[in-house]
Structures are given as structure tokens and as C-alpha cells.
């Protein structure tokens, strides 16, 4: 019974790691979008609680440039998080897989006896 419980637990960990890797790979290929639109971003620049001279003197083109840069930075951050998640998820495959294989061999030896 112990052997089967270990096999089940390690198999579930490997499957969970595989699913997590797939989800992180999807985020890496197509990172989630940035949800603040340009008009909201522009409004934040003009409605700051303590307006700075810089925020009041920016043109729409300069604000658009900052918005585009923020969107790029957000996508890069999402990609970096996805890479990090893939590495973490590999642990859920690399660590329990040898244990699963060892106990599976033990199970086979027990059934041959």
C-alpha cells in the first residue's frame, strides 16, 4: 500500500509540474496584455495629487511614448515571470520523477515474487 501511495503522490506532482510548465510556456509565448488604456494613463499624468512641472508640460506624443514604454516593460516582466515559473515547475518534475521510477521498479519486483 505504501508503494502505491508514493507512486500516486509522485505521479500527481509530475503531472502538476507538467501542467504548470505548459501554462508558463503559454505566458512566455503570448504574455498577458496590459489593461490600462492610453487615456487612463494620460489622465494619471494630469491628475496627480502633487502635480509636477514635468507632468504638466508633457505633450501627448511624449506621454504616448512613456505609455508604450510601460507596456513593453510590462510584457518583458510577464515574460521574465514565465521563465521563472518554468524553472520552478521543473522542480516538480525533476525531483519526484526518480522517486516515482524507483518505487515503480520496487512494485514490479514485488509483483514478480
PDB file of N, CA and C in Angstrom:
ATOM      1  N   UNK A   1       0.827  -1.194   0.000  1.00  0.00           N
ATOM      2  CA  UNK A   1       0.000   0.000   0.000  1.00  0.00           C
ATOM      3  C   UNK A   1       0.874   1.263   0.000  1.00  0.00           C
ATOM      4  N   UNK A   2       1.953   1.231   0.806  1.00  0.00           N
ATOM      5  CA  UNK A   2       2.861   2.375   0.888  1.00  0.00           C
ATOM      6  C   UNK A   2       3.447   2.689  -0.488  1.00  0.00           C
ATOM      7  N   UNK A   3       3.844   1.659  -1.207  1.00  0.00           N
ATOM      8  CA  UNK A   3       4.437   1.844  -2.541  1.00  0.00           C
ATOM      9  C   UNK A   3       3.448   2.527  -3.472  1.00  0.00           C
ATOM     10  N   UNK A   4       2.210   2.103  -3.447  1.00  0.00           N
ATOM     11  CA  UNK A   4       1.202   2.700  -4.317  1.00  0.00           C
ATOM     12  C   UNK A   4       0.895   4.147  -3.931  1.00  0.00           C
ATOM     13  N   UNK A   5       0.918   4.434  -2.634  1.00  0.00           N
ATOM     14  CA  UNK A   5       0.699   5.819  -2.200  1.00  0.00           C
ATOM     15  C   UNK A   5       1.825   6.730  -2.673  1.00  0.00           C
ATOM     16  N   UNK A   6       3.057   6.260  -2.568  1.00  0.00           N
ATOM     17  CA  UNK A   6       4.202   7.045  -3.043  1.00  0.00           C
ATOM     18  C   UNK A   6       4.121   7.223  -4.555  1.00  0.00           C
ATOM     19  N   UNK A   7       3.773   6.156  -5.274  1.00  0.00           N
ATOM     20  CA  UNK A   7       3.623   6.260  -6.728  1.00  0.00           C
ATOM     21  C   UNK A   7       2.549   7.285  -7.101  1.00  0.00           C
ATOM     22  N   UNK A   8       1.436   7.251  -6.407  1.00  0.00           N
ATOM     23  CA  UNK A   8       0.352   8.184  -6.693  1.00  0.00           C
ATOM     24  C   UNK A   8       0.776   9.628  -6.417  1.00  0.00           C
ATOM     25  N   UNK A   9       1.389   9.851  -5.251  1.00  0.00           N
ATOM     26  CA  UNK A   9       1.792  11.216  -4.877  1.00  0.00           C
ATOM     27  C   UNK A   9       2.825  11.778  -5.849  1.00  0.00           C
ATOM     28  N   UNK A  10       3.827  10.968  -6.192  1.00  0.00           N
ATOM     29  CA  UNK A  10       4.860  11.470  -7.101  1.00  0.00           C
ATOM     30  C   UNK A  10       4.311  11.664  -8.511  1.00  0.00           C
ATOM     31  N   UNK A  11       3.418  10.793  -8.936  1.00  0.00           N
ATOM     32  CA  UNK A  11       2.808  10.957 -10.259  1.00  0.00           C
ATOM     33  C   UNK A  11       1.986  12.249 -10.316  1.00  0.00           C
ATOM     34  N   UNK A  12       1.231  12.538  -9.258  1.00  0.00           N
ATOM     35  CA  UNK A  12       0.457  13.782  -9.218  1.00  0.00           C
ATOM     36  C   UNK A  12       1.379  15.001  -9.253  1.00  0.00           C
ATOM     37  N   UNK A  13       2.517  14.939  -8.579  1.00  0.00           N
ATOM     38  CA  UNK A  13       3.466  16.055  -8.600  1.00  0.00           C
ATOM     39  C   UNK A  13       4.038  16.260 -10.007  1.00  0.00           C
ATOM     40  N   UNK A  14       4.373  15.172 -10.686  1.00  0.00           N
ATOM     41  CA  UNK A  14       4.922  15.271 -12.042  1.00  0.00           C
ATOM     42  C   UNK A  14       3.864  15.841 -12.993  1.00  0.00           C
ATOM     43  N   UNK A  15       2.631  15.379 -12.872  1.00  0.00           N
ATOM     44  CA  UNK A  15       1.561  15.895 -13.730  1.00  0.00           C
ATOM     45  C   UNK A  15       1.328  17.384 -13.445  1.00  0.00           C
ATOM     46  N   UNK A  16       1.286  17.754 -12.179  1.00  0.00           N
ATOM     47  CA  UNK A  16       1.115  19.169 -11.811  1.00  0.00           C
ATOM     48  C   UNK A  16       2.242  20.034 -12.337  1.00  0.00           C
ATOM     49  N   UNK A  17       3.477  19.534 -12.262  1.00  0.00           N
ATOM     50  CA  UNK A  17       4.616  20.272 -12.810  1.00  0.00           C
ATOM     51  C   UNK A  17       4.519  20.436 -14.311  1.00  0.00           C
ATOM     52  N   UNK A  18       4.058  19.394 -14.990  1.00  0.00           N
ATOM     53  CA  UNK A  18       3.896  19.467 -16.438  1.00  0.00           C
ATOM     54  C   UNK A  18       2.848  20.486 -16.840  1.00  0.00           C
ATOM     55  N   UNK A  19       1.742  20.503 -16.115  1.00  0.00           N
ATOM     56  CA  UNK A  19       0.681  21.481 -16.393  1.00  0.00           C
ATOM     57  C   UNK A  19       1.189  22.894 -16.143  1.00  0.00           C
ATOM     58  N   UNK A  20       1.916  23.073 -15.055  1.00  0.00           N
ATOM     59  CA  UNK A  20       2.446  24.392 -14.728  1.00  0.00           C
ATOM     60  C   UNK A  20       3.450  24.864 -15.775  1.00  0.00           C
ATOM     61  N   UNK A  21       4.275  23.958 -16.277  1.00  0.00           N
ATOM     62  CA  UNK A  21       5.222  24.318 -17.330  1.00  0.00           C
ATOM     63  C   UNK A  21       4.484  24.729 -18.587  1.00  0.00           C
ATOM     64  N   UNK A  22       3.441  23.999 -18.940  1.00  0.00           N
ATOM     65  CA  UNK A  22       2.658  24.346 -20.123  1.00  0.00           C
ATOM     66  C   UNK A  22       2.038  25.726 -19.985  1.00  0.00           C
ATOM     67  N   UNK A  23       1.474  26.028 -18.822  1.00  0.00           N
ATOM     68  CA  UNK A  23       0.859  27.331 -18.605  1.00  0.00           C
ATOM     69  C   UNK A  23       1.893  28.452 -18.654  1.00  0.00           C
ATOM     70  N   UNK A  24       3.063  28.229 -18.055  1.00  0.00           N
ATOM     71  CA  UNK A  24       4.119  29.244 -18.082  1.00  0.00           C
ATOM     72  C   UNK A  24       4.659  29.431 -19.492  1.00  0.00           C
ATOM     73  N   UNK A  25       4.747  28.347 -20.258  1.00  0.00           N
ATOM     74  CA  UNK A  25       5.211  28.462 -21.643  1.00  0.00           C
ATOM     75  C   UNK A  25       4.215  29.270 -22.467  1.00  0.00           C
ATOM     76  N   UNK A  26       2.930  29.105 -22.189  1.00  0.00           N
ATOM     77  CA  UNK A  26       1.921  29.902 -22.892  1.00  0.00           C
ATOM     78  C   UNK A  26       2.078  31.379 -22.556  1.00  0.00           C
ATOM     79  N   UNK A  27       2.373  31.703 -21.304  1.00  0.00           N
ATOM     80  CA  UNK A  27       2.610  33.097 -20.917  1.00  0.00           C
ATOM     81  C   UNK A  27       3.892  33.642 -21.537  1.00  0.00           C
ATOM     82  N   UNK A  28       4.865  32.766 -21.727  1.00  0.00           N
ATOM     83  CA  UNK A  28       6.123  33.188 -22.342  1.00  0.00           C
ATOM     84  C   UNK A  28       5.913  33.514 -23.816  1.00  0.00           C
ATOM     85  N   UNK A  29       5.161  32.684 -24.505  1.00  0.00           N
ATOM     86  CA  UNK A  29       4.913  32.889 -25.933  1.00  0.00           C
ATOM     87  C   UNK A  29       3.982  34.077 -26.152  1.00  0.00           C
ATOM     88  N   UNK A  30       2.928  34.147 -25.360  1.00  0.00           N
ATOM     89  CA  UNK A  30       1.944  35.216 -25.517  1.00  0.00           C
ATOM     90  C   UNK A  30       1.644  35.804 -24.140  1.00  0.00           C
ATOM     91  N   UNK A  31       2.450  36.779 -23.705  1.00  0.00           N
ATOM     92  CA  UNK A  31       2.249  37.336 -22.366  1.00  0.00           C
ATOM     93  C   UNK A  31       0.899  38.033 -22.245  1.00  0.00           C
ATOM     94  N   UNK A  32       0.332  38.018 -21.038  1.00  0.00           N
ATOM     95  CA  UNK A  32      -0.952  38.690 -20.852  1.00  0.00           C
ATOM     96  C   UNK A  32      -0.831  40.178 -21.176  1.00  0.00           C
ATOM     97  N   UNK A  33      -1.900  40.750 -21.676  1.00  0.00           N
ATOM     98  CA  UNK A  33      -1.884  42.150 -22.083  1.00  0.00           C
ATOM     99  C   UNK A  33      -1.885  43.102 -20.903  1.00  0.00           C
ATOM    100  N   UNK A  34      -1.526  44.331 -21.217  1.00  0.00           N
ATOM    101  CA  UNK A  34      -1.557  45.393 -20.218  1.00  0.00           C
ATOM    102  C   UNK A  34      -2.931  46.042 -20.296  1.00  0.00           C
ATOM    103  N   UNK A  35      -3.600  46.219 -19.164  1.00  0.00           N
ATOM    104  CA  UNK A  35      -5.017  46.556 -19.178  1.00  0.00           C
ATOM    105  C   UNK A  35      -5.340  48.039 -19.049  1.00  0.00           C
ATOM    106  N   UNK A  36      -4.370  48.881 -18.730  1.00  0.00           N
ATOM    107  CA  UNK A  36      -4.653  50.305 -18.641  1.00  0.00           C
ATOM    108  C   UNK A  36      -4.543  50.909 -20.036  1.00  0.00           C
ATOM    109  N   UNK A  37      -5.576  51.581 -20.481  1.00  0.00           N
ATOM    110  CA  UNK A  37      -5.503  52.168 -21.815  1.00  0.00           C
ATOM    111  C   UNK A  37      -4.785  53.517 -21.763  1.00  0.00           C
ATOM    112  N   UNK A  38      -4.510  54.053 -22.922  1.00  0.00           N
ATOM    113  CA  UNK A  38      -3.733  55.286 -23.009  1.00  0.00           C
ATOM    114  C   UNK A  38      -4.450  56.454 -22.351  1.00  0.00           C
ATOM    115  N   UNK A  39      -5.753  56.543 -22.521  1.00  0.00           N
ATOM    116  CA  UNK A  39      -6.497  57.676 -21.950  1.00  0.00           C
ATOM    117  C   UNK A  39      -6.416  57.675 -20.424  1.00  0.00           C
ATOM    118  N   UNK A  40      -6.515  56.491 -19.802  1.00  0.00           N
ATOM    119  CA  UNK A  40      -6.385  56.399 -18.342  1.00  0.00           C
ATOM    120  C   UNK A  40      -4.976  56.773 -17.904  1.00  0.00           C
ATOM    121  N   UNK A  41      -3.995  56.290 -18.648  1.00  0.00           N
ATOM    122  CA  UNK A  41      -2.601  56.604 -18.342  1.00  0.00           C
ATOM    123  C   UNK A  41      -2.362  58.105 -18.435  1.00  0.00           C
ATOM    124  N   UNK A  42      -2.905  58.725 -19.467  1.00  0.00           N
ATOM    125  CA  UNK A  42      -2.757  60.162 -19.685  1.00  0.00           C
ATOM    126  C   UNK A  42      -3.419  60.934 -18.549  1.00  0.00           C
ATOM    127  N   UNK A  43      -4.578  60.460 -18.106  1.00  0.00           N
ATOM    128  CA  UNK A  43      -5.306  61.118 -17.027  1.00  0.00           C
ATOM    129  C   UNK A  43      -4.495  61.109 -15.735  1.00  0.00           C
ATOM    130  N   UNK A  44      -3.782  60.017 -15.467  1.00  0.00           N
ATOM    131  CA  UNK A  44      -2.954  59.927 -14.266  1.00  0.00           C
ATOM    132  C   UNK A  44      -1.875  61.000 -14.293  1.00  0.00           C
ATOM    133  N   UNK A  45      -1.312  61.254 -15.451  1.00  0.00           N
ATOM    134  CA  UNK A  45      -0.272  62.276 -15.553  1.00  0.00           C
ATOM    135  C   UNK A  45      -0.819  63.676 -15.280  1.00  0.00           C
ATOM    136  N   UNK A  46      -2.048  63.922 -15.647  1.00  0.00           N
ATOM    137  CA  UNK A  46      -2.602  65.262 -15.467  1.00  0.00           C
ATOM    138  C   UNK A  46      -3.302  65.446 -14.124  1.00  0.00           C
ATOM    139  N   UNK A  47      -3.677  64.379 -13.470  1.00  0.00           N
ATOM    140  CA  UNK A  47      -4.428  64.476 -12.207  1.00  0.00           C
ATOM    141  C   UNK A  47      -3.631  64.016 -10.997  1.00  0.00           C
ATOM    142  N   UNK A  48      -2.338  64.153 -11.038  1.00  0.00           N
ATOM    143  CA  UNK A  48      -1.537  63.757  -9.875  1.00  0.00           C
ATOM    144  C   UNK A  48      -1.899  64.643  -8.692  1.00  0.00           C
ATOM    145  N   UNK A  49      -1.826  64.052  -7.481  1.00  0.00           N
ATOM    146  CA  UNK A  49      -2.157  64.822  -6.279  1.00  0.00           C
ATOM    147  C   UNK A  49      -1.208  66.003  -6.109  1.00  0.00           C
ATOM    148  N   UNK A  50       0.082  65.757  -6.379  1.00  0.00           N
ATOM    149  CA  UNK A  50       1.070  66.828  -6.331  1.00  0.00           C
ATOM    150  C   UNK A  50       1.631  66.957  -7.743  1.00  0.00           C
ATOM    151  N   UNK A  51       0.993  67.748  -8.574  1.00  0.00           N
ATOM    152  CA  UNK A  51       1.446  67.845  -9.964  1.00  0.00           C
ATOM    153  C   UNK A  51       2.854  68.429 -10.041  1.00  0.00           C
ATOM    154  N   UNK A  52       3.647  67.818 -10.854  1.00  0.00           N
ATOM    155  CA  UNK A  52       4.998  68.329 -11.069  1.00  0.00           C
ATOM    156  C   UNK A  52       5.003  69.130 -12.352  1.00  0.00           C
ATOM    157  N   UNK A  53       5.993  69.953 -12.487  1.00  0.00           N
ATOM    158  CA  UNK A  53       6.117  70.746 -13.708  1.00  0.00           C
ATOM    159  C   UNK A  53       6.288  69.829 -14.920  1.00  0.00           C
ATOM    160  N   UNK A  54       7.037  68.735 -14.697  1.00  0.00           N
ATOM    161  CA  UNK A  54       7.283  67.800 -15.800  1.00  0.00           C
ATOM    162  C   UNK A  54       5.979  67.191 -16.302  1.00  0.00           C
ATOM    163  N   UNK A  55       5.099  66.785 -15.370  1.00  0.00           N
ATOM    164  CA  UNK A  55       3.857  66.129 -15.794  1.00  0.00           C
ATOM    165  C   UNK A  55       2.918  67.096 -16.503  1.00  0.00           C
ATOM    166  N   UNK A  56       2.964  68.361 -16.182  1.00  0.00           N
ATOM    167  CA  UNK A  56       2.083  69.341 -16.819  1.00  0.00           C
ATOM    168  C   UNK A  56       2.611  69.769 -18.187  1.00  0.00           C
ATOM    169  N   UNK A  57       3.921  69.685 -18.391  1.00  0.00           N
ATOM    170  CA  UNK A  57       4.488  70.189 -19.631  1.00  0.00           C
ATOM    171  C   UNK A  57       4.665  69.116 -20.706  1.00  0.00           C
ATOM    172  N   UNK A  58       4.315  67.881 -20.411  1.00  0.00           N
ATOM    173  CA  UNK A  58       4.485  66.818 -21.395  1.00  0.00           C
ATOM    174  C   UNK A  58       3.425  66.919 -22.496  1.00  0.00           C
ATOM    175  N   UNK A  59       3.858  66.699 -23.716  1.00  0.00           N
ATOM    176  CA  UNK A  59       2.915  66.670 -24.833  1.00  0.00           C
ATOM    177  C   UNK A  59       2.281  65.290 -24.925  1.00  0.00           C
ATOM    178  N   UNK A  60       1.224  65.179 -25.715  1.00  0.00           N
ATOM    179  CA  UNK A  60       0.569  63.884 -25.894  1.00  0.00           C
ATOM    180  C   UNK A  60       1.525  62.859 -26.493  1.00  0.00           C
ATOM    181  N   UNK A  61       2.390  63.295 -27.390  1.00  0.00           N
ATOM    182  CA  UNK A  61       3.353  62.375 -28.007  1.00  0.00           C
ATOM    183  C   UNK A  61       4.331  61.836 -26.972  1.00  0.00           C
ATOM    184  N   UNK A  62       4.774  62.686 -26.053  1.00  0.00           N
ATOM    185  CA  UNK A  62       5.701  62.237 -25.001  1.00  0.00           C
ATOM    186  C   UNK A  62       4.996  61.296 -24.026  1.00  0.00           C
ATOM    187  N   UNK A  63       3.765  61.609 -23.700  1.00  0.00           N
ATOM    188  CA  UNK A  63       3.001  60.723 -22.807  1.00  0.00           C
ATOM    189  C   UNK A  63       2.764  59.380 -23.498  1.00  0.00           C
ATOM    190  N   UNK A  64       2.446  59.401 -24.794  1.00  0.00           N
ATOM    191  CA  UNK A  64       2.255  58.166 -25.560  1.00  0.00           C
ATOM    192  C   UNK A  64       3.530  57.335 -25.567  1.00  0.00           C
ATOM    193  N   UNK A  65       4.670  58.002 -25.705  1.00  0.00           N
ATOM    194  CA  UNK A  65       5.958  57.301 -25.700  1.00  0.00           C
ATOM    195  C   UNK A  65       6.186  56.610 -24.354  1.00  0.00           C
ATOM    196  N   UNK A  66       5.873  57.320 -23.261  1.00  0.00           N
ATOM    197  CA  UNK A  66       6.015  56.716 -21.925  1.00  0.00           C
ATOM    198  C   UNK A  66       5.044  55.558 -21.731  1.00  0.00           C
ATOM    199  N   UNK A  67       3.835  55.721 -22.246  1.00  0.00           N
ATOM    200  CA  UNK A  67       2.842  54.654 -22.154  1.00  0.00           C
ATOM    201  C   UNK A  67       3.324  53.421 -22.917  1.00  0.00           C
ATOM    202  N   UNK A  68       3.804  53.615 -24.134  1.00  0.00           N
ATOM    203  CA  UNK A  68       4.308  52.490 -24.934  1.00  0.00           C
ATOM    204  C   UNK A  68       5.475  51.803 -24.244  1.00  0.00           C
ATOM    205  N   UNK A  69       6.354  52.592 -23.634  1.00  0.00           N
ATOM    206  CA  UNK A  69       7.485  52.004 -22.905  1.00  0.00           C
ATOM    207  C   UNK A  69       6.996  51.201 -21.706  1.00  0.00           C
ATOM    208  N   UNK A  70       5.972  51.702 -21.014  1.00  0.00           N
ATOM    209  CA  UNK A  70       5.436  50.980 -19.864  1.00  0.00           C
ATOM    210  C   UNK A  70       4.796  49.666 -20.303  1.00  0.00           C
ATOM    211  N   UNK A  71       4.109  49.672 -21.445  1.00  0.00           N
ATOM    212  CA  UNK A  71       3.502  48.444 -21.963  1.00  0.00           C
ATOM    213  C   UNK A  71       4.594  47.431 -22.305  1.00  0.00           C
ATOM    214  N   UNK A  72       5.680  47.893 -22.941  1.00  0.00           N
ATOM    215  CA  UNK A  72       6.804  46.996 -23.263  1.00  0.00           C
ATOM    216  C   UNK A  72       7.423  46.431 -21.997  1.00  0.00           C
ATOM    217  N   UNK A  73       7.617  47.297 -21.003  1.00  0.00           N
ATOM    218  CA  UNK A  73       8.199  46.838 -19.735  1.00  0.00           C
ATOM    219  C   UNK A  73       7.312  45.801 -19.057  1.00  0.00           C
ATOM    220  N   UNK A  74       6.009  46.006 -19.129  1.00  0.00           N
ATOM    221  CA  UNK A  74       5.068  45.062 -18.518  1.00  0.00           C
ATOM    222  C   UNK A  74       5.129  43.704 -19.213  1.00  0.00           C
ATOM    223  N   UNK A  75       5.215  43.708 -20.545  1.00  0.00           N
ATOM    224  CA  UNK A  75       5.320  42.438 -21.288  1.00  0.00           C
ATOM    225  C   UNK A  75       6.630  41.734 -20.969  1.00  0.00           C
ATOM    226  N   UNK A  76       7.717  42.498 -20.868  1.00  0.00           N
ATOM    227  CA  UNK A  76       9.004  41.897 -20.511  1.00  0.00           C
ATOM    228  C   UNK A  76       8.957  41.305 -19.106  1.00  0.00           C
ATOM    229  N   UNK A  77       8.289  42.010 -18.181  1.00  0.00           N
ATOM    230  CA  UNK A  77       8.169  41.492 -16.816  1.00  0.00           C
ATOM    231  C   UNK A  77       7.363  40.199 -16.811  1.00  0.00           C
ATOM    232  N   UNK A  78       6.301  40.150 -17.597  1.00  0.00           N
ATOM    233  CA  UNK A  78       5.479  38.939 -17.676  1.00  0.00           C
ATOM    234  C   UNK A  78       6.288  37.777 -18.258  1.00  0.00           C
ATOM    235  N   UNK A  79       7.114  38.052 -19.263  1.00  0.00           N
ATOM    236  CA  UNK A  79       7.957  37.003 -19.849  1.00  0.00           C
ATOM    237  C   UNK A  79       8.992  36.499 -18.841  1.00  0.00           C
ATOM    238  N   UNK A  80       9.599  37.417 -18.102  1.00  0.00           N
ATOM    239  CA  UNK A  80      10.576  37.013 -17.086  1.00  0.00           C
ATOM    240  C   UNK A  80       9.905  36.169 -16.004  1.00  0.00           C
ATOM    241  N   UNK A  81       8.696  36.542 -15.603  1.00  0.00           N
ATOM    242  CA  UNK A  81       7.962  35.744 -14.618  1.00  0.00           C
ATOM    243  C   UNK A  81       7.647  34.357 -15.164  1.00  0.00           C
ATOM    244  N   UNK A  82       7.321  34.271 -16.460  1.00  0.00           N
ATOM    245  CA  UNK A  82       7.024  32.978 -17.076  1.00  0.00           C
ATOM    246  C   UNK A  82       8.272  32.097 -17.097  1.00  0.00           C
ATOM    247  N   UNK A  83       9.422  32.678 -17.434  1.00  0.00           N
ATOM    248  CA  UNK A  83      10.680  31.907 -17.412  1.00  0.00           C
ATOM    249  C   UNK A  83      10.973  31.392 -16.005  1.00  0.00           C
ATOM    250  N   UNK A  84      10.767  32.264 -15.028  1.00  0.00           N
ATOM    251  CA  UNK A  84      10.987  31.881 -13.634  1.00  0.00           C
ATOM    252  C   UNK A  84      10.038  30.755 -13.232  1.00  0.00           C
ATOM    253  N   UNK A  85       8.790  30.826 -13.657  1.00  0.00           N
ATOM    254  CA  UNK A  85       7.804  29.792 -13.335  1.00  0.00           C
ATOM    255  C   UNK A  85       8.171  28.457 -13.986  1.00  0.00           C
ATOM    256  N   UNK A  86       8.695  28.495 -15.197  1.00  0.00           N
ATOM    257  CA  UNK A  86       9.118  27.255 -15.867  1.00  0.00           C
ATOM    258  C   UNK A  86      10.220  26.581 -15.064  1.00  0.00           C
ATOM    259  N   UNK A  87      11.185  27.358 -14.606  1.00  0.00           N
ATOM    260  CA  UNK A  87      12.298  26.799 -13.829  1.00  0.00           C
ATOM    261  C   UNK A  87      11.777  26.196 -12.523  1.00  0.00           C
ATOM    262  N   UNK A  88      10.875  26.911 -11.858  1.00  0.00           N
ATOM    263  CA  UNK A  88      10.303  26.388 -10.612  1.00  0.00           C
ATOM    264  C   UNK A  88       9.505  25.116 -10.867  1.00  0.00           C
ATOM    265  N   UNK A  89       8.755  25.083 -11.954  1.00  0.00           N
ATOM    266  CA  UNK A  89       7.920  23.927 -12.257  1.00  0.00           C
ATOM    267  C   UNK A  89       8.745  22.706 -12.624  1.00  0.00           C
ATOM    268  N   UNK A  90       9.916  22.928 -13.187  1.00  0.00           N
ATOM    269  CA  UNK A  90      10.791  21.788 -13.495  1.00  0.00           C
ATOM    270  C   UNK A  90      11.151  21.012 -12.234  1.00  0.00           C
ATOM    271  N   UNK A  91      11.200  21.708 -11.108  1.00  0.00           N
ATOM    272  CA  UNK A  91      11.469  21.038  -9.837  1.00  0.00           C
ATOM    273  C   UNK A  91      10.398  20.021  -9.490  1.00  0.00           C
ATOM    274  N   UNK A  92       9.154  20.291  -9.905  1.00  0.00           N
ATOM    275  CA  UNK A  92       8.063  19.356  -9.639  1.00  0.00           C
ATOM    276  C   UNK A  92       8.099  18.153 -10.573  1.00  0.00           C
ATOM    277  N   UNK A  93       8.991  18.170 -11.538  1.00  0.00           N
ATOM    278  CA  UNK A  93       9.172  17.010 -12.407  1.00  0.00           C
ATOM    279  C   UNK A  93      10.495  16.323 -12.075  1.00  0.00           C
ATOM    280  N   UNK A  94      11.557  17.095 -11.979  1.00  0.00           N
ATOM    281  CA  UNK A  94      12.897  16.542 -11.786  1.00  0.00           C
ATOM    282  C   UNK A  94      13.044  15.850 -10.430  1.00  0.00           C
ATOM    283  N   UNK A  95      12.454  16.400  -9.391  1.00  0.00           N
ATOM    284  CA  UNK A  95      12.623  15.820  -8.052  1.00  0.00           C
ATOM    285  C   UNK A  95      11.779  14.553  -7.856  1.00  0.00           C
ATOM    286  N   UNK A  96      10.470  14.567  -8.124  1.00  0.00           N
ATOM    287  CA  UNK A  96       9.692  13.353  -7.849  1.00  0.00           C
ATOM    288  C   UNK A  96       9.818  12.254  -8.903  1.00  0.00           C
ATOM    289  N   UNK A  97      10.256  12.583 -10.126  1.00  0.00           N
ATOM    290  CA  UNK A  97      10.317  11.566 -11.178  1.00  0.00           C
ATOM    291  C   UNK A  97      11.249  10.405 -10.827  1.00  0.00           C
ATOM    292  N   UNK A  98      12.474  10.642 -10.349  1.00  0.00           N
ATOM    293  CA  UNK A  98      13.319   9.498  -9.969  1.00  0.00           C
ATOM    294  C   UNK A  98      12.717   8.675  -8.825  1.00  0.00           C
ATOM    295  N   UNK A  99      12.032   9.343  -7.910  1.00  0.00           N
ATOM    296  CA  UNK A  99      11.384   8.620  -6.807  1.00  0.00           C
ATOM    297  C   UNK A  99      10.277   7.736  -7.366  1.00  0.00           C
ATOM    298  N   UNK A 100       9.500   8.285  -8.310  1.00  0.00           N
ATOM    299  CA  UNK A 100       8.446   7.511  -8.955  1.00  0.00           C
ATOM    300  C   UNK A 100       9.037   6.295  -9.661  1.00  0.00           C
ATOM    301  N   UNK A 101      10.096   6.490 -10.428  1.00  0.00           N
ATOM    302  CA  UNK A 101      10.718   5.380 -11.161  1.00  0.00           C
ATOM    303  C   UNK A 101      11.271   4.324 -10.209  1.00  0.00           C
ATOM    304  N   UNK A 102      11.894   4.757  -9.115  1.00  0.00           N
ATOM    305  CA  UNK A 102      12.446   3.815  -8.135  1.00  0.00           C
ATOM    306  C   UNK A 102      11.329   2.971  -7.519  1.00  0.00           C
ATOM    307  N   UNK A 103      10.251   3.623  -7.080  1.00  0.00           N
ATOM    308  CA  UNK A 103       9.162   2.879  -6.452  1.00  0.00           C
ATOM    309  C   UNK A 103       8.399   2.031  -7.465  1.00  0.00           C
ATOM    310  N   UNK A 104       8.364   2.462  -8.713  1.00  0.00           N
ATOM    311  CA  UNK A 104       7.731   1.650  -9.745  1.00  0.00           C
ATOM    312  C   UNK A 104       8.537   0.371  -9.970  1.00  0.00           C
ATOM    313  N   UNK A 105       9.864   0.481  -9.977  1.00  0.00           N
ATOM    314  CA  UNK A 105      10.715  -0.719 -10.080  1.00  0.00           C
ATOM    315  C   UNK A 105      10.529  -1.617  -8.871  1.00  0.00           C
ATOM    316  N   UNK A 106      10.400  -1.004  -7.693  1.00  0.00           N
ATOM    317  CA  UNK A 106      10.149  -1.794  -6.481  1.00  0.00           C
ATOM    318  C   UNK A 106       8.827  -2.551  -6.604  1.00  0.00           C
ATOM    319  N   UNK A 107       7.811  -1.885  -7.122  1.00  0.00           N
ATOM    320  CA  UNK A 107       6.496  -2.502  -7.292  1.00  0.00           C
ATOM    321  C   UNK A 107       6.583  -3.690  -8.246  1.00  0.00           C
ATOM    322  N   UNK A 108       7.329  -3.507  -9.346  1.00  0.00           N
ATOM    323  CA  UNK A 108       7.482  -4.591 -10.317  1.00  0.00           C
ATOM    324  C   UNK A 108       8.192  -5.783  -9.692  1.00  0.00           C
ATOM    325  N   UNK A 109       9.237  -5.523  -8.893  1.00  0.00           N
ATOM    326  CA  UNK A 109       9.966  -6.595  -8.231  1.00  0.00           C
ATOM    327  C   UNK A 109       9.078  -7.318  -7.242  1.00  0.00           C
ATOM    328  N   UNK A 110       8.220  -6.570  -6.524  1.00  0.00           N
ATOM    329  CA  UNK A 110       7.311  -7.191  -5.551  1.00  0.00           C
ATOM    330  C   UNK A 110       6.268  -8.060  -6.244  1.00  0.00           C
ATOM    331  N   UNK A 111       5.826  -7.644  -7.417  1.00  0.00           N
ATOM    332  CA  UNK A 111       4.798  -8.419  -8.120  1.00  0.00           C
ATOM    333  C   UNK A 111       5.401  -9.654  -8.788  1.00  0.00           C
ATOM    334  N   UNK A 112       6.714  -9.632  -9.077  1.00  0.00           N
ATOM    335  CA  UNK A 112       7.380 -10.795  -9.677  1.00  0.00           C
ATOM    336  C   UNK A 112       7.609 -11.901  -8.641  1.00  0.00           C
ATOM    337  N   UNK A 113       7.635 -11.552  -7.386  1.00  0.00           N
ATOM    338  CA  UNK A 113       7.913 -12.540  -6.341  1.00  0.00           C
ATOM    339  C   UNK A 113       6.746 -13.419  -6.084  1.00  0.00           C
TER     340      UNK A 113
END
